[in-house]
Amino acid sequence: MQGIEPKIHTSLIERMKYYSDLIKNSKHECLANPEDAHHMMIELNELYEDYLNQKRNLEKSIKKYREFYQGQQKLLTPRIRQLKRTRK
């Protein structure tokens, strides 16, 4: 599973801010609207925060699964050994 590198996200946000500043400070009429760049940054940040929350939840689920798996394995191993001994 691939994740989103924080430095890639930060780099893109910085480039978007720079782009927005260039548009605001430009003397030429531009096709781009500075508000559009701002909205894109907000949406990107929201998506990144959502990704981080889901990643934390996934990590918690994996940890719970491992703990349960290990607990069940510890319970089953002696029972299997005992049954093997009694079958002989």
PDB file of N, CA and C in Angstrom:
ATOM      1  N   MET A   1       0.842  -1.175   0.000  1.00  0.00           N
ATOM      2  CA  MET A   1       0.000   0.000   0.000  1.00  0.00           C
ATOM      3  C   MET A   1       0.889   1.241   0.000  1.00  0.00           C
ATOM      4  N   GLN A   2       0.614   2.133  -0.886  1.00  0.00           N
ATOM      5  CA  GLN A   2       1.384   3.365  -0.943  1.00  0.00           C
ATOM      6  C   GLN A   2       0.660   4.462  -0.194  1.00  0.00           C
ATOM      7  N   GLY A   3       1.441   5.332   0.396  1.00  0.00           N
ATOM      8  CA  GLY A   3       0.872   6.451   1.116  1.00  0.00           C
ATOM      9  C   GLY A   3       1.246   7.761   0.451  1.00  0.00           C
ATOM     10  N   ILE A   4       0.796   8.825   1.035  1.00  0.00           N
ATOM     11  CA  ILE A   4       1.110  10.162   0.538  1.00  0.00           C
ATOM     12  C   ILE A   4       2.253  10.699   1.390  1.00  0.00           C
ATOM     13  N   GLU A   5       3.336  11.029   0.739  1.00  0.00           N
ATOM     14  CA  GLU A   5       4.490  11.574   1.453  1.00  0.00           C
ATOM     15  C   GLU A   5       4.158  12.991   1.930  1.00  0.00           C
ATOM     16  N   PRO A   6       4.386  13.283   3.212  1.00  0.00           N
ATOM     17  CA  PRO A   6       4.113  14.636   3.716  1.00  0.00           C
ATOM     18  C   PRO A   6       4.892  15.714   2.964  1.00  0.00           C
ATOM     19  N   LYS A   7       6.140  15.412   2.581  1.00  0.00           N
ATOM     20  CA  LYS A   7       6.922  16.445   1.888  1.00  0.00           C
ATOM     21  C   LYS A   7       6.373  16.731   0.494  1.00  0.00           C
ATOM     22  N   ILE A   8       5.778  15.732  -0.148  1.00  0.00           N
ATOM     23  CA  ILE A   8       5.166  15.954  -1.463  1.00  0.00           C
ATOM     24  C   ILE A   8       3.941  16.851  -1.310  1.00  0.00           C
ATOM     25  N   HIS A   9       3.134  16.561  -0.289  1.00  0.00           N
ATOM     26  CA  HIS A   9       1.943  17.379  -0.028  1.00  0.00           C
ATOM     27  C   HIS A   9       2.357  18.818   0.282  1.00  0.00           C
ATOM     28  N   THR A  10       3.331  18.970   1.173  1.00  0.00           N
ATOM     29  CA  THR A  10       3.793  20.302   1.558  1.00  0.00           C
ATOM     30  C   THR A  10       4.358  21.052   0.360  1.00  0.00           C
ATOM     31  N   SER A  11       5.106  20.356  -0.463  1.00  0.00           N
ATOM     32  CA  SER A  11       5.690  20.974  -1.655  1.00  0.00           C
ATOM     33  C   SER A  11       4.602  21.493  -2.595  1.00  0.00           C
ATOM     34  N   LEU A  12       3.575  20.692  -2.806  1.00  0.00           N
ATOM     35  CA  LEU A  12       2.490  21.116  -3.691  1.00  0.00           C
ATOM     36  C   LEU A  12       1.737  22.304  -3.106  1.00  0.00           C
ATOM     37  N   ILE A  13       1.481  22.282  -1.803  1.00  0.00           N
ATOM     38  CA  ILE A  13       0.794  23.405  -1.154  1.00  0.00           C
ATOM     39  C   ILE A  13       1.620  24.680  -1.308  1.00  0.00           C
ATOM     40  N   GLU A  14       2.927  24.578  -1.112  1.00  0.00           N
ATOM     41  CA  GLU A  14       3.796  25.751  -1.267  1.00  0.00           C
ATOM     42  C   GLU A  14       3.764  26.282  -2.700  1.00  0.00           C
ATOM     43  N   ARG A  15       3.779  25.379  -3.666  1.00  0.00           N
ATOM     44  CA  ARG A  15       3.710  25.807  -5.077  1.00  0.00           C
ATOM     45  C   ARG A  15       2.370  26.475  -5.375  1.00  0.00           C
ATOM     46  N   MET A  16       1.297  25.958  -4.786  1.00  0.00           N
ATOM     47  CA  MET A  16      -0.024  26.556  -5.003  1.00  0.00           C
ATOM     48  C   MET A  16      -0.084  27.949  -4.383  1.00  0.00           C
ATOM     49  N   LYS A  17       0.522  28.118  -3.199  1.00  0.00           N
ATOM     50  CA  LYS A  17       0.562  29.437  -2.567  1.00  0.00           C
ATOM     51  C   LYS A  17       1.364  30.413  -3.428  1.00  0.00           C
ATOM     52  N   TYR A  18       2.481  29.941  -3.927  1.00  0.00           N
ATOM     53  CA  TYR A  18       3.327  30.774  -4.788  1.00  0.00           C
ATOM     54  C   TYR A  18       2.555  31.190  -6.042  1.00  0.00           C
ATOM     55  N   TYR A  19       1.868  30.234  -6.633  1.00  0.00           N
ATOM     56  CA  TYR A  19       1.060  30.503  -7.828  1.00  0.00           C
ATOM     57  C   TYR A  19      -0.024  31.533  -7.519  1.00  0.00           C
ATOM     58  N   SER A  20      -0.688  31.365  -6.398  1.00  0.00           N
ATOM     59  CA  SER A  20      -1.740  32.294  -5.994  1.00  0.00           C
ATOM     60  C   SER A  20      -1.171  33.699  -5.794  1.00  0.00           C
ATOM     61  N   ASP A  21      -0.006  33.789  -5.159  1.00  0.00           N
ATOM     62  CA  ASP A  21       0.634  35.096  -4.965  1.00  0.00           C
ATOM     63  C   ASP A  21       1.024  35.732  -6.292  1.00  0.00           C
ATOM     64  N   LEU A  22       1.521  34.922  -7.212  1.00  0.00           N
ATOM     65  CA  LEU A  22       1.873  35.452  -8.536  1.00  0.00           C
ATOM     66  C   LEU A  22       0.642  36.021  -9.238  1.00  0.00           C
ATOM     67  N   ILE A  23      -0.461  35.317  -9.128  1.00  0.00           N
ATOM     68  CA  ILE A  23      -1.698  35.797  -9.761  1.00  0.00           C
ATOM     69  C   ILE A  23      -2.136  37.113  -9.133  1.00  0.00           C
ATOM     70  N   LYS A  24      -2.089  37.181  -7.790  1.00  0.00           N
ATOM     71  CA  LYS A  24      -2.519  38.394  -7.089  1.00  0.00           C
ATOM     72  C   LYS A  24      -1.642  39.594  -7.446  1.00  0.00           C
ATOM     73  N   ASN A  25      -0.350  39.356  -7.584  1.00  0.00           N
ATOM     74  CA  ASN A  25       0.597  40.448  -7.836  1.00  0.00           C
ATOM     75  C   ASN A  25       0.812  40.738  -9.316  1.00  0.00           C
ATOM     76  N   SER A  26       0.167  39.985 -10.162  1.00  0.00           N
ATOM     77  CA  SER A  26       0.342  40.161 -11.601  1.00  0.00           C
ATOM     78  C   SER A  26      -0.402  41.405 -12.080  1.00  0.00           C
ATOM     79  N   LYS A  27       0.248  42.130 -12.985  1.00  0.00           N
ATOM     80  CA  LYS A  27      -0.385  43.324 -13.556  1.00  0.00           C
ATOM     81  C   LYS A  27      -1.245  42.969 -14.758  1.00  0.00           C
ATOM     82  N   HIS A  28      -1.011  41.789 -15.288  1.00  0.00           N
ATOM     83  CA  HIS A  28      -1.746  41.358 -16.475  1.00  0.00           C
ATOM     84  C   HIS A  28      -3.054  40.691 -16.063  1.00  0.00           C
ATOM     85  N   GLU A  29      -4.014  40.854 -16.950  1.00  0.00           N
ATOM     86  CA  GLU A  29      -5.263  40.131 -16.744  1.00  0.00           C
ATOM     87  C   GLU A  29      -4.988  38.654 -16.985  1.00  0.00           C
ATOM     88  N   CYS A  30      -5.348  37.894 -16.054  1.00  0.00           N
ATOM     89  CA  CYS A  30      -5.032  36.461 -16.089  1.00  0.00           C
ATOM     90  C   CYS A  30      -6.314  35.662 -16.290  1.00  0.00           C
ATOM     91  N   LEU A  31      -6.151  34.510 -16.876  1.00  0.00           N
ATOM     92  CA  LEU A  31      -7.298  33.618 -17.007  1.00  0.00           C
ATOM     93  C   LEU A  31      -7.629  32.962 -15.673  1.00  0.00           C
ATOM     94  N   ALA A  32      -6.629  32.856 -14.823  1.00  0.00           N
ATOM     95  CA  ALA A  32      -6.828  32.189 -13.536  1.00  0.00           C
ATOM     96  C   ALA A  32      -7.280  33.191 -12.481  1.00  0.00           C
ATOM     97  N   ASN A  33      -8.094  32.714 -11.598  1.00  0.00           N
ATOM     98  CA  ASN A  33      -8.616  33.513 -10.506  1.00  0.00           C
ATOM     99  C   ASN A  33      -7.882  33.108  -9.221  1.00  0.00           C
ATOM    100  N   PRO A  34      -7.378  34.076  -8.438  1.00  0.00           N
ATOM    101  CA  PRO A  34      -6.682  33.712  -7.201  1.00  0.00           C
ATOM    102  C   PRO A  34      -7.573  32.932  -6.232  1.00  0.00           C
ATOM    103  N   GLU A  35      -8.855  33.187  -6.288  1.00  0.00           N
ATOM    104  CA  GLU A  35      -9.788  32.464  -5.420  1.00  0.00           C
ATOM    105  C   GLU A  35      -9.836  30.980  -5.775  1.00  0.00           C
ATOM    106  N   ASP A  36      -9.716  30.681  -7.074  1.00  0.00           N
ATOM    107  CA  ASP A  36      -9.707  29.274  -7.498  1.00  0.00           C
ATOM    108  C   ASP A  36      -8.516  28.543  -6.893  1.00  0.00           C
ATOM    109  N   ALA A  37      -7.354  29.189  -6.926  1.00  0.00           N
ATOM    110  CA  ALA A  37      -6.152  28.578  -6.352  1.00  0.00           C
ATOM    111  C   ALA A  37      -6.332  28.373  -4.853  1.00  0.00           C
ATOM    112  N   HIS A  38      -6.941  29.337  -4.191  1.00  0.00           N
ATOM    113  CA  HIS A  38      -7.182  29.227  -2.747  1.00  0.00           C
ATOM    114  C   HIS A  38      -8.135  28.069  -2.445  1.00  0.00           C
ATOM    115  N   HIS A  39      -9.188  27.942  -3.222  1.00  0.00           N
ATOM    116  CA  HIS A  39     -10.142  26.842  -3.021  1.00  0.00           C
ATOM    117  C   HIS A  39      -9.488  25.485  -3.285  1.00  0.00           C
ATOM    118  N   MET A  40      -8.614  25.448  -4.284  1.00  0.00           N
ATOM    119  CA  MET A  40      -7.912  24.189  -4.564  1.00  0.00           C
ATOM    120  C   MET A  40      -7.009  23.807  -3.393  1.00  0.00           C
ATOM    121  N   MET A  41      -6.345  24.794  -2.781  1.00  0.00           N
ATOM    122  CA  MET A  41      -5.494  24.514  -1.620  1.00  0.00           C
ATOM    123  C   MET A  41      -6.322  23.996  -0.451  1.00  0.00           C
ATOM    124  N   ILE A  42      -7.468  24.616  -0.227  1.00  0.00           N
ATOM    125  CA  ILE A  42      -8.344  24.182   0.862  1.00  0.00           C
ATOM    126  C   ILE A  42      -8.808  22.752   0.630  1.00  0.00           C
ATOM    127  N   GLU A  43      -9.248  22.467  -0.583  1.00  0.00           N
ATOM    128  CA  GLU A  43      -9.718  21.116  -0.900  1.00  0.00           C
ATOM    129  C   GLU A  43      -8.591  20.094  -0.758  1.00  0.00           C
ATOM    130  N   LEU A  44      -7.412  20.450  -1.226  1.00  0.00           N
ATOM    131  CA  LEU A  44      -6.270  19.546  -1.114  1.00  0.00           C
ATOM    132  C   LEU A  44      -5.936  19.275   0.350  1.00  0.00           C
ATOM    133  N   ASN A  45      -5.959  20.306   1.173  1.00  0.00           N
ATOM    134  CA  ASN A  45      -5.698  20.124   2.605  1.00  0.00           C
ATOM    135  C   ASN A  45      -6.753  19.245   3.260  1.00  0.00           C
ATOM    136  N   GLU A  46      -8.013  19.443   2.892  1.00  0.00           N
ATOM    137  CA  GLU A  46      -9.087  18.617   3.454  1.00  0.00           C
ATOM    138  C   GLU A  46      -8.907  17.152   3.063  1.00  0.00           C
ATOM    139  N   LEU A  47      -8.561  16.922   1.807  1.00  0.00           N
ATOM    140  CA  LEU A  47      -8.331  15.548   1.353  1.00  0.00           C
ATOM    141  C   LEU A  47      -7.147  14.919   2.079  1.00  0.00           C
ATOM    142  N   TYR A  48      -6.108  15.701   2.296  1.00  0.00           N
ATOM    143  CA  TYR A  48      -4.931  15.183   2.996  1.00  0.00           C
ATOM    144  C   TYR A  48      -5.268  14.851   4.448  1.00  0.00           C
ATOM    145  N   GLU A  49      -6.029  15.714   5.112  1.00  0.00           N
ATOM    146  CA  GLU A  49      -6.441  15.444   6.495  1.00  0.00           C
ATOM    147  C   GLU A  49      -7.313  14.191   6.564  1.00  0.00           C
ATOM    148  N   ASP A  50      -8.200  14.031   5.598  1.00  0.00           N
ATOM    149  CA  ASP A  50      -9.037  12.832   5.526  1.00  0.00           C
ATOM    150  C   ASP A  50      -8.164  11.590   5.348  1.00  0.00           C
ATOM    151  N   TYR A  51      -7.172  11.705   4.481  1.00  0.00           N
ATOM    152  CA  TYR A  51      -6.233  10.596   4.269  1.00  0.00           C
ATOM    153  C   TYR A  51      -5.524  10.237   5.575  1.00  0.00           C
ATOM    154  N   LEU A  52      -5.046  11.251   6.311  1.00  0.00           N
ATOM    155  CA  LEU A  52      -4.338  10.986   7.568  1.00  0.00           C
ATOM    156  C   LEU A  52      -5.246  10.313   8.587  1.00  0.00           C
ATOM    157  N   ASN A  53      -6.503  10.747   8.664  1.00  0.00           N
ATOM    158  CA  ASN A  53      -7.451  10.119   9.592  1.00  0.00           C
ATOM    159  C   ASN A  53      -7.699   8.662   9.225  1.00  0.00           C
ATOM    160  N   GLN A  54      -7.885   8.399   7.949  1.00  0.00           N
ATOM    161  CA  GLN A  54      -8.115   7.025   7.506  1.00  0.00           C
ATOM    162  C   GLN A  54      -6.885   6.160   7.738  1.00  0.00           C
ATOM    163  N   LYS A  55      -5.718   6.748   7.551  1.00  0.00           N
ATOM    164  CA  LYS A  55      -4.473   6.013   7.785  1.00  0.00           C
ATOM    165  C   LYS A  55      -4.356   5.633   9.262  1.00  0.00           C
ATOM    166  N   ARG A  56      -4.676   6.573  10.160  1.00  0.00           N
ATOM    167  CA  ARG A  56      -4.639   6.281  11.600  1.00  0.00           C
ATOM    168  C   ARG A  56      -5.626   5.174  11.948  1.00  0.00           C
ATOM    169  N   ASN A  57      -6.829   5.249  11.387  1.00  0.00           N
ATOM    170  CA  ASN A  57      -7.831   4.217  11.656  1.00  0.00           C
ATOM    171  C   ASN A  57      -7.379   2.859  11.145  1.00  0.00           C
ATOM    172  N   LEU A  58      -6.763   2.834   9.974  1.00  0.00           N
ATOM    173  CA  LEU A  58      -6.260   1.579   9.420  1.00  0.00           C
ATOM    174  C   LEU A  58      -5.162   1.008  10.308  1.00  0.00           C
ATOM    175  N   GLU A  59      -4.261   1.864  10.772  1.00  0.00           N
ATOM    176  CA  GLU A  59      -3.186   1.402  11.652  1.00  0.00           C
ATOM    177  C   GLU A  59      -3.754   0.824  12.944  1.00  0.00           C
ATOM    178  N   LYS A  60      -4.794   1.462  13.495  1.00  0.00           N
ATOM    179  CA  LYS A  60      -5.433   0.940  14.709  1.00  0.00           C
ATOM    180  C   LYS A  60      -6.078  -0.415  14.442  1.00  0.00           C
ATOM    181  N   SER A  61      -6.758  -0.539  13.310  1.00  0.00           N
ATOM    182  CA  SER A  61      -7.405  -1.807  12.958  1.00  0.00           C
ATOM    183  C   SER A  61      -6.378  -2.918  12.785  1.00  0.00           C
ATOM    184  N   ILE A  62      -5.273  -2.609  12.140  1.00  0.00           N
ATOM    185  CA  ILE A  62      -4.219  -3.610  11.951  1.00  0.00           C
ATOM    186  C   ILE A  62      -3.652  -4.035  13.299  1.00  0.00           C
ATOM    187  N   LYS A  63      -3.442  -3.085  14.185  1.00  0.00           N
ATOM    188  CA  LYS A  63      -2.912  -3.398  15.516  1.00  0.00           C
ATOM    189  C   LYS A  63      -3.884  -4.296  16.284  1.00  0.00           C
ATOM    190  N   LYS A  64      -5.180  -3.964  16.247  1.00  0.00           N
ATOM    191  CA  LYS A  64      -6.186  -4.787  16.928  1.00  0.00           C
ATOM    192  C   LYS A  64      -6.220  -6.196  16.346  1.00  0.00           C
ATOM    193  N   TYR A  65      -6.150  -6.289  15.024  1.00  0.00           N
ATOM    194  CA  TYR A  65      -6.169  -7.589  14.363  1.00  0.00           C
ATOM    195  C   TYR A  65      -4.968  -8.418  14.798  1.00  0.00           C
ATOM    196  N   ARG A  66      -3.782  -7.821  14.799  1.00  0.00           N
ATOM    197  CA  ARG A  66      -2.568  -8.549  15.203  1.00  0.00           C
ATOM    198  C   ARG A  66      -2.670  -9.041  16.639  1.00  0.00           C
ATOM    199  N   GLU A  67      -3.158  -8.165  17.534  1.00  0.00           N
ATOM    200  CA  GLU A  67      -3.302  -8.561  18.935  1.00  0.00           C
ATOM    201  C   GLU A  67      -4.279  -9.725  19.071  1.00  0.00           C
ATOM    202  N   PHE A  68      -5.397  -9.652  18.371  1.00  0.00           N
ATOM    203  CA  PHE A  68      -6.386 -10.725  18.432  1.00  0.00           C
ATOM    204  C   PHE A  68      -5.809 -12.006  17.840  1.00  0.00           C
ATOM    205  N   TYR A  69      -5.141 -11.884  16.703  1.00  0.00           N
ATOM    206  CA  TYR A  69      -4.532 -13.030  16.030  1.00  0.00           C
ATOM    207  C   TYR A  69      -3.525 -13.716  16.950  1.00  0.00           C
ATOM    208  N   GLN A  70      -2.651 -12.932  17.566  1.00  0.00           N
ATOM    209  CA  GLN A  70      -1.640 -13.501  18.451  1.00  0.00           C
ATOM    210  C   GLN A  70      -2.278 -14.163  19.665  1.00  0.00           C
ATOM    211  N   GLY A  71      -3.320 -13.550  20.195  1.00  0.00           N
ATOM    212  CA  GLY A  71      -4.031 -14.145  21.330  1.00  0.00           C
ATOM    213  C   GLY A  71      -4.664 -15.476  20.962  1.00  0.00           C
ATOM    214  N   GLN A  72      -5.296 -15.526  19.802  1.00  0.00           N
ATOM    215  CA  GLN A  72      -5.923 -16.773  19.359  1.00  0.00           C
ATOM    216  C   GLN A  72      -4.880 -17.842  19.080  1.00  0.00           C
ATOM    217  N   GLN A  73      -3.771 -17.418  18.525  1.00  0.00           N
ATOM    218  CA  GLN A  73      -2.696 -18.365  18.230  1.00  0.00           C
ATOM    219  C   GLN A  73      -2.148 -18.963  19.529  1.00  0.00           C
ATOM    220  N   LYS A  74      -2.008 -18.138  20.561  1.00  0.00           N
ATOM    221  CA  LYS A  74      -1.524 -18.620  21.858  1.00  0.00           C
ATOM    222  C   LYS A  74      -2.512 -19.588  22.494  1.00  0.00           C
ATOM    223  N   LEU A  75      -3.795 -19.379  22.249  1.00  0.00           N
ATOM    224  CA  LEU A  75      -4.807 -20.293  22.792  1.00  0.00           C
ATOM    225  C   LEU A  75      -4.851 -21.608  22.020  1.00  0.00           C
ATOM    226  N   LEU A  76      -4.736 -21.529  20.719  1.00  0.00           N
ATOM    227  CA  LEU A  76      -4.877 -22.725  19.887  1.00  0.00           C
ATOM    228  C   LEU A  76      -3.672 -23.652  19.940  1.00  0.00           C
ATOM    229  N   THR A  77      -2.491 -23.098  19.994  1.00  0.00           N
ATOM    230  CA  THR A  77      -1.284 -23.931  19.937  1.00  0.00           C
ATOM    231  C   THR A  77      -1.259 -24.989  21.037  1.00  0.00           C
ATOM    232  N   PRO A  78      -1.466 -24.633  22.309  1.00  0.00           N
ATOM    233  CA  PRO A  78      -1.460 -25.685  23.347  1.00  0.00           C
ATOM    234  C   PRO A  78      -2.607 -26.689  23.177  1.00  0.00           C
ATOM    235  N   ARG A  79      -3.747 -26.212  22.725  1.00  0.00           N
ATOM    236  CA  ARG A  79      -4.888 -27.121  22.532  1.00  0.00           C
ATOM    237  C   ARG A  79      -4.597 -28.130  21.425  1.00  0.00           C
ATOM    238  N   ILE A  80      -3.985 -27.653  20.354  1.00  0.00           N
ATOM    239  CA  ILE A  80      -3.638 -28.554  19.249  1.00  0.00           C
ATOM    240  C   ILE A  80      -2.620 -29.581  19.722  1.00  0.00           C
ATOM    241  N   ARG A  81      -1.614 -29.148  20.470  1.00  0.00           N
ATOM    242  CA  ARG A  81      -0.603 -30.073  20.993  1.00  0.00           C
ATOM    243  C   ARG A  81      -1.243 -31.127  21.892  1.00  0.00           C
ATOM    244  N   GLN A  82      -2.151 -30.671  22.736  1.00  0.00           N
ATOM    245  CA  GLN A  82      -2.813 -31.595  23.655  1.00  0.00           C
ATOM    246  C   GLN A  82      -3.633 -32.623  22.879  1.00  0.00           C
ATOM    247  N   LEU A  83      -4.361 -32.178  21.872  1.00  0.00           N
ATOM    248  CA  LEU A  83      -5.161 -33.109  21.074  1.00  0.00           C
ATOM    249  C   LEU A  83      -4.275 -34.095  20.319  1.00  0.00           C
ATOM    250  N   LYS A  84      -3.144 -33.645  19.836  1.00  0.00           N
ATOM    251  CA  LYS A  84      -2.219 -34.543  19.136  1.00  0.00           C
ATOM    252  C   LYS A  84      -1.699 -35.621  20.081  1.00  0.00           C
ATOM    253  N   ARG A  85      -1.396 -35.229  21.318  1.00  0.00           N
ATOM    254  CA  ARG A  85      -0.895 -36.193  22.304  1.00  0.00           C
ATOM    255  C   ARG A  85      -1.949 -37.241  22.646  1.00  0.00           C
ATOM    256  N   THR A  86      -3.185 -36.788  22.769  1.00  0.00           N
ATOM    257  CA  THR A  86      -4.245 -37.727  23.158  1.00  0.00           C
ATOM    258  C   THR A  86      -4.615 -38.664  22.022  1.00  0.00           C
ATOM    259  N   ARG A  87      -4.354 -38.276  20.799  1.00  0.00           N
ATOM    260  CA  ARG A  87      -4.686 -39.135  19.654  1.00  0.00           C
ATOM    261  C   ARG A  87      -3.672 -40.252  19.480  1.00  0.00           C
ATOM    262  N   LYS A  88      -2.473 -40.091  19.983  1.00  0.00           N
ATOM    263  CA  LYS A  88      -1.428 -41.109  19.788  1.00  0.00           C
ATOM    264  C   LYS A  88      -1.645 -42.327  20.621  1.00  0.00           C
TER     265      LYS A  88
END
